[in-house]
Amino acid sequence: MDKLLDIPSNSHDASTVLRAGSALAGPFKSPISDGLPFVVVPDGYKVEHLFERDPDPARAIGTVKLRDAASFIEYFNRQKRPESLIYASLDPARILGVIDDHRSYAGLQDSHDGANWRSYRVEFPVPASREWKTWTGKDRQPLTQLELAELIEDNLPDIVTPDGSTMLSVALNFEASKEGNFVSATRLQDGSTNFVWKEDINATGNKIAMPSQITLSIPVFENGAPYSIDARIKYRVSNGVLKIWYELIRPHKVLEAAFRAVWAQIEEQTSTKILLGTPE
């Protein structure tokens, strides 16, 4: 902004100073490499960039957010350059491609250190499936028999062991017991538990057999392959009230396996080694 130097050093003429200040409102070419022209608005001399001054932007910027691995692969392959890199993080599950990442220092012919903008990105926040959110959301939470029955009925296709008819029978029996009092729980030789409940003191006891463990087959991520995960059944009977819950067995390992499958698919189909971590 050399126009500032046009003001005479011994000038006390206010109009001369004002004219010099107004001259700052003309367009200037930025000296940095993305080359955005700017003007300095006289009111407070605020710098305003002129983003719509050319038919094409000086460089690509922004973050594209996609919903599945295939879309991420398609976009990254379309835009990738020799310096493009992909990063992965599990908590939360996310794949991030940086199209304009720093260039490799090796082989540079001048004093440039390979620095790049790192501002053009494509992101895949790997979304959990509805089934995964449902079962992990209730994990280790005590439920009434009616709440458990509704959970089983609503998600019966997710349970592969015991079979569907057995679990449906359990759900229906729990629904029937909602007005009764539980008087005992007995562990059987096969590992299942017999819950005995009565509708009143003089009634004959009714029994509900509940397996000690169930096996689910559910996708971890949206549109992903199903994975098997076991859940132990736990319970507590106190003053005629039954509280029952399940505990998923090592769900973090199932999550890791599903994420590694997504990782491997993207790595293979983009021909890009994925780095574990997040760029700052």
Protein backbone atom coordinates (compact mmCIF):
# COMPACT_ATOMS: atom_id res chain seq x y z
CA MET A 1 0.00 0.00 0.00
CA ASP A 2 2.55 2.53 -1.20
CA LYS A 3 -0.12 5.25 -1.60
CA LEU A 4 0.42 6.08 2.06
CA LEU A 5 3.84 7.42 1.08
CA ASP A 6 2.24 10.11 -1.12
CA ILE A 7 1.38 12.23 1.94
CA PRO A 8 3.91 15.10 2.24
CA SER A 9 5.87 14.83 5.46
CA ASN A 10 5.35 18.51 6.25
CA SER A 11 1.68 18.65 5.19
CA HIS A 12 -0.85 20.08 7.66
CA ASP A 13 -3.62 20.42 5.07
CA ALA A 14 -6.62 18.37 6.29
CA SER A 15 -8.00 17.93 2.81
CA THR A 16 -4.70 16.44 1.65
CA VAL A 17 -4.78 13.92 4.49
CA LEU A 18 -8.41 13.00 3.77
CA ARG A 19 -7.70 12.50 0.09
CA ALA A 20 -4.78 10.26 0.96
CA GLY A 21 -6.96 8.23 3.32
CA SER A 22 -9.70 7.85 0.73
CA ALA A 23 -7.15 6.56 -1.74
CA LEU A 24 -6.75 3.50 0.45
CA ALA A 25 -10.18 2.35 -0.70
CA GLY A 26 -8.80 1.32 -4.07
CA PRO A 27 -8.26 -2.37 -4.85
CA PHE A 28 -4.97 -3.98 -3.87
CA LYS A 29 -3.43 -7.28 -4.90
CA SER A 30 -2.57 -9.51 -1.94
CA PRO A 31 1.13 -10.40 -1.83
CA ILE A 32 0.41 -13.93 -0.55
CA SER A 33 0.07 -16.84 -2.92
CA ASP A 34 -3.70 -17.29 -2.87
CA GLY A 35 -3.87 -13.77 -4.32
CA LEU A 36 -7.18 -12.46 -3.01
CA PRO A 37 -7.59 -8.78 -4.02
CA PHE A 38 -8.95 -6.53 -1.27
CA VAL A 39 -10.09 -3.00 -0.57
CA VAL A 40 -9.76 -0.93 2.59
CA VAL A 41 -13.10 0.67 3.38
CA PRO A 42 -12.58 4.26 4.67
CA ASP A 43 -14.99 3.82 7.60
CA GLY A 44 -12.58 2.43 10.17
CA TYR A 45 -10.30 1.20 7.34
CA LYS A 46 -11.65 -2.34 7.52
CA VAL A 47 -10.16 -4.79 5.03
CA GLU A 48 -12.74 -6.45 2.76
CA HIS A 49 -11.76 -9.31 0.46
CA LEU A 50 -13.27 -9.50 -3.01
CA PHE A 51 -14.26 -13.15 -3.32
CA GLU A 52 -16.33 -12.82 -6.48
CA ARG A 53 -13.91 -10.83 -8.59
CA ASP A 54 -12.73 -13.66 -10.91
CA PRO A 55 -14.51 -16.41 -12.86
CA ASP A 56 -12.53 -19.04 -10.87
CA PRO A 57 -11.40 -19.12 -7.22
CA ALA A 58 -7.68 -18.77 -6.52
CA ARG A 59 -7.69 -22.19 -4.79
CA ALA A 60 -10.14 -24.86 -3.59
CA ILE A 61 -11.23 -24.60 0.04
CA GLY A 62 -14.00 -26.05 2.19
CA THR A 63 -15.08 -29.36 3.75
CA VAL A 64 -17.34 -31.86 1.99
CA LYS A 65 -19.25 -34.11 4.44
CA LEU A 66 -20.42 -37.49 3.14
CA ARG A 67 -22.58 -40.26 4.57
CA ASP A 68 -21.04 -43.51 3.37
CA ALA A 69 -17.69 -45.02 2.45
CA ALA A 70 -18.51 -45.33 -1.27
CA SER A 71 -19.22 -41.60 -1.54
CA PHE A 72 -16.01 -40.75 0.32
CA ILE A 73 -13.99 -42.98 -2.00
CA GLU A 74 -15.60 -41.50 -5.11
CA TYR A 75 -14.97 -37.90 -4.06
CA PHE A 76 -11.45 -38.43 -2.73
CA ASN A 77 -10.35 -40.28 -5.87
CA ARG A 78 -11.77 -37.48 -8.02
CA GLN A 79 -9.90 -34.72 -6.16
CA LYS A 80 -6.76 -36.36 -4.77
CA ARG A 81 -3.26 -35.12 -5.54
CA PRO A 82 0.17 -36.57 -4.78
CA GLU A 83 0.17 -34.75 -1.41
CA SER A 84 -3.37 -35.81 -0.38
CA LEU A 85 -3.61 -37.82 2.85
CA ILE A 86 -6.36 -39.63 4.81
CA TYR A 87 -6.66 -39.69 8.60
CA ALA A 88 -8.82 -41.94 10.81
CA SER A 89 -10.03 -41.67 14.40
CA LEU A 90 -12.31 -44.06 16.30
CA ASP A 91 -13.76 -41.92 19.09
CA PRO A 92 -15.82 -40.58 17.46
CA ALA A 93 -15.55 -42.74 14.33
CA ARG A 94 -14.39 -40.48 11.49
CA ILE A 95 -12.45 -40.65 8.24
CA LEU A 96 -10.93 -37.35 7.05
CA GLY A 97 -9.24 -36.71 3.73
CA VAL A 98 -7.05 -33.62 3.35
CA ILE A 99 -6.77 -32.92 -0.36
CA ASP A 100 -4.18 -30.11 -0.08
CA ASP A 101 -2.05 -31.60 2.70
CA HIS A 102 1.60 -30.64 3.10
CA ARG A 103 3.85 -31.88 0.33
CA SER A 104 6.67 -34.31 0.91
CA TYR A 105 9.89 -32.49 1.74
CA ALA A 106 11.96 -35.17 0.04
CA GLY A 107 12.84 -34.30 -3.52
CA LEU A 108 11.97 -30.60 -3.38
CA GLN A 109 14.28 -28.65 -5.68
CA ASP A 110 14.21 -25.27 -3.92
CA SER A 111 14.09 -23.89 -0.40
CA HIS A 112 10.32 -24.53 -0.11
CA ASP A 113 9.59 -26.77 2.88
CA GLY A 114 6.49 -28.37 1.37
CA ALA A 115 3.96 -26.36 3.38
CA ASN A 116 0.46 -26.38 1.94
CA TRP A 117 -2.90 -24.86 2.94
CA ARG A 118 -4.63 -27.99 4.36
CA SER A 119 -7.99 -26.25 3.92
CA TYR A 120 -9.65 -28.47 1.29
CA ARG A 121 -11.08 -31.52 3.03
CA VAL A 122 -13.55 -34.37 2.63
CA GLU A 123 -15.00 -35.88 5.80
CA PHE A 124 -16.89 -39.09 6.51
CA PRO A 125 -18.25 -39.06 10.09
CA VAL A 126 -18.95 -42.80 10.17
CA PRO A 127 -22.54 -42.98 11.52
CA ALA A 128 -23.61 -45.72 13.94
CA SER A 129 -26.51 -47.90 12.82
CA ARG A 130 -29.93 -47.65 14.45
CA GLU A 131 -29.47 -51.19 15.82
CA TRP A 132 -26.09 -50.37 17.40
CA LYS A 133 -27.48 -47.22 19.05
CA THR A 134 -30.51 -49.12 20.34
CA TRP A 135 -28.61 -51.97 22.00
CA THR A 136 -25.68 -49.93 23.30
CA GLY A 137 -28.08 -47.26 24.53
CA LYS A 138 -29.80 -49.72 26.90
CA ASP A 139 -26.64 -51.61 27.88
CA ARG A 140 -26.41 -52.18 31.67
CA GLN A 141 -29.58 -50.19 32.37
CA PRO A 142 -32.05 -51.92 34.76
CA LEU A 143 -35.42 -52.47 33.05
CA THR A 144 -38.84 -53.57 34.23
CA GLN A 145 -40.17 -56.79 32.74
CA LEU A 146 -42.50 -54.74 30.49
CA GLU A 147 -39.64 -52.57 29.24
CA LEU A 148 -37.59 -55.66 28.46
CA ALA A 149 -40.53 -57.27 26.69
CA GLU A 150 -40.98 -54.21 24.47
CA LEU A 151 -37.26 -54.13 23.69
CA ILE A 152 -37.31 -57.79 22.64
CA GLU A 153 -40.47 -57.44 20.53
CA ASP A 154 -39.29 -54.27 18.77
CA ASN A 155 -35.89 -55.74 17.94
CA LEU A 156 -36.60 -59.45 17.60
CA PRO A 157 -34.77 -59.82 14.22
CA ASP A 158 -31.52 -58.73 15.93
CA ILE A 159 -31.52 -61.74 18.31
CA VAL A 160 -30.14 -64.92 16.75
CA THR A 161 -29.67 -67.04 19.90
CA PRO A 162 -32.06 -68.18 21.34
CA ASP A 163 -34.27 -68.31 18.28
CA GLY A 164 -37.03 -65.83 17.56
CA SER A 165 -39.94 -67.95 18.77
CA THR A 166 -38.25 -68.57 22.14
CA MET A 167 -37.55 -64.87 22.68
CA LEU A 168 -41.06 -63.90 21.59
CA SER A 169 -42.47 -66.32 24.16
CA VAL A 170 -40.27 -64.72 26.83
CA ALA A 171 -41.52 -61.26 25.84
CA LEU A 172 -45.18 -62.29 25.95
CA ASN A 173 -44.78 -63.92 29.37
CA PHE A 174 -43.09 -60.80 30.73
CA GLU A 175 -45.95 -58.68 29.41
CA ALA A 176 -48.45 -60.94 31.18
CA SER A 177 -46.56 -60.56 34.46
CA LYS A 178 -46.68 -56.76 34.58
CA GLU A 179 -49.32 -56.73 37.36
CA GLY A 180 -47.80 -59.58 39.39
CA ASN A 181 -45.27 -59.98 42.18
CA PHE A 182 -42.07 -61.93 41.66
CA VAL A 183 -41.43 -64.34 44.50
CA SER A 184 -38.31 -66.21 43.38
CA ALA A 185 -35.68 -66.73 40.73
CA THR A 186 -34.02 -70.11 40.26
CA ARG A 187 -30.98 -70.87 38.17
CA LEU A 188 -31.43 -74.05 36.10
CA GLN A 189 -28.81 -76.56 34.99
CA ASP A 190 -28.77 -75.27 31.43
CA GLY A 191 -27.85 -71.81 32.70
CA SER A 192 -31.28 -70.23 32.20
CA THR A 193 -33.29 -68.72 35.06
CA ASN A 194 -36.86 -69.47 36.11
CA PHE A 195 -38.67 -66.39 37.41
CA VAL A 196 -41.77 -67.21 39.47
CA TRP A 197 -44.49 -64.59 39.78
CA LYS A 198 -47.99 -64.48 41.26
CA GLU A 199 -50.91 -62.18 40.52
CA ASP A 200 -52.02 -62.43 44.18
CA ILE A 201 -50.95 -64.23 47.32
CA ASN A 202 -53.21 -67.26 46.82
CA ALA A 203 -52.54 -67.69 43.12
CA THR A 204 -50.49 -70.51 41.68
CA GLY A 205 -47.04 -69.37 40.68
CA ASN A 206 -46.31 -68.76 36.99
CA LYS A 207 -42.87 -69.36 35.58
CA ILE A 208 -40.84 -67.50 32.98
CA ALA A 209 -37.66 -69.10 31.68
CA MET A 210 -35.02 -66.55 30.71
CA PRO A 211 -31.72 -67.53 29.05
CA SER A 212 -28.55 -66.43 30.79
CA GLN A 213 -27.08 -65.06 27.57
CA ILE A 214 -28.31 -63.90 24.16
CA THR A 215 -26.45 -63.37 20.90
CA LEU A 216 -27.15 -60.40 18.64
CA SER A 217 -26.29 -59.98 14.97
CA ILE A 218 -26.38 -56.27 14.13
CA PRO A 219 -24.56 -53.77 11.91
CA VAL A 220 -22.30 -51.40 13.81
CA PHE A 221 -22.43 -48.65 11.17
CA GLU A 222 -25.13 -47.52 8.75
CA ASN A 223 -25.41 -49.83 5.73
CA GLY A 224 -22.60 -51.96 7.17
CA ALA A 225 -22.19 -55.70 7.56
CA PRO A 226 -23.70 -57.35 10.68
CA TYR A 227 -21.46 -58.42 13.55
CA SER A 228 -22.15 -60.92 16.33
CA ILE A 229 -22.09 -59.68 19.90
CA ASP A 230 -23.06 -61.56 23.07
CA ALA A 231 -24.95 -60.13 26.01
CA ARG A 232 -25.24 -61.59 29.53
CA ILE A 233 -28.64 -61.38 31.22
CA LYS A 234 -28.56 -60.03 34.79
CA TYR A 235 -31.42 -59.55 37.25
CA ARG A 236 -32.41 -58.54 40.77
CA VAL A 237 -35.65 -59.40 42.64
CA SER A 238 -36.52 -57.18 45.59
CA ASN A 239 -39.87 -56.88 47.38
CA GLY A 240 -41.72 -58.52 44.52
CA VAL A 241 -40.17 -56.22 41.92
CA LEU A 242 -37.98 -57.62 39.15
CA LYS A 243 -35.24 -55.53 37.63
CA ILE A 244 -33.53 -57.14 34.66
CA TRP A 245 -30.84 -55.95 32.30
CA TYR A 246 -28.21 -57.14 29.84
CA GLU A 247 -24.49 -56.48 29.63
CA LEU A 248 -22.88 -56.45 26.19
CA ILE A 249 -19.62 -58.42 26.18
CA ARG A 250 -16.65 -56.35 24.97
CA PRO A 251 -18.60 -54.11 22.58
CA HIS A 252 -15.51 -51.94 22.03
CA LYS A 253 -13.79 -54.83 20.24
CA VAL A 254 -16.78 -55.26 17.90
CA LEU A 255 -16.69 -51.51 17.21
CA GLU A 256 -12.97 -51.67 16.43
CA ALA A 257 -13.42 -54.61 14.06
CA ALA A 258 -16.22 -52.86 12.17
CA PHE A 259 -14.20 -49.64 11.90
CA ARG A 260 -11.14 -51.52 10.64
CA ALA A 261 -13.30 -53.02 7.89
CA VAL A 262 -14.34 -49.53 6.75
CA TRP A 263 -10.70 -48.42 7.04
CA ALA A 264 -9.49 -51.33 4.88
CA GLN A 265 -12.13 -50.67 2.21
CA ILE A 266 -11.21 -47.00 1.89
CA GLU A 267 -7.48 -47.66 2.01
CA GLU A 268 -7.71 -50.27 -0.75
CA GLN A 269 -10.02 -48.35 -3.07
CA THR A 270 -8.21 -45.01 -2.77
CA SER A 271 -4.70 -46.54 -2.91
CA THR A 272 -3.84 -44.25 0.01
CA LYS A 273 -2.31 -45.32 3.31
CA ILE A 274 -4.53 -44.12 6.15
CA LEU A 275 -2.91 -42.50 9.17
CA LEU A 276 -4.33 -43.00 12.66
CA GLY A 277 -4.89 -39.54 14.12
CA THR A 278 -6.29 -36.10 13.37
CA PRO A 279 -4.57 -33.17 11.58
CA GLU A 280 -4.64 -29.87 13.43
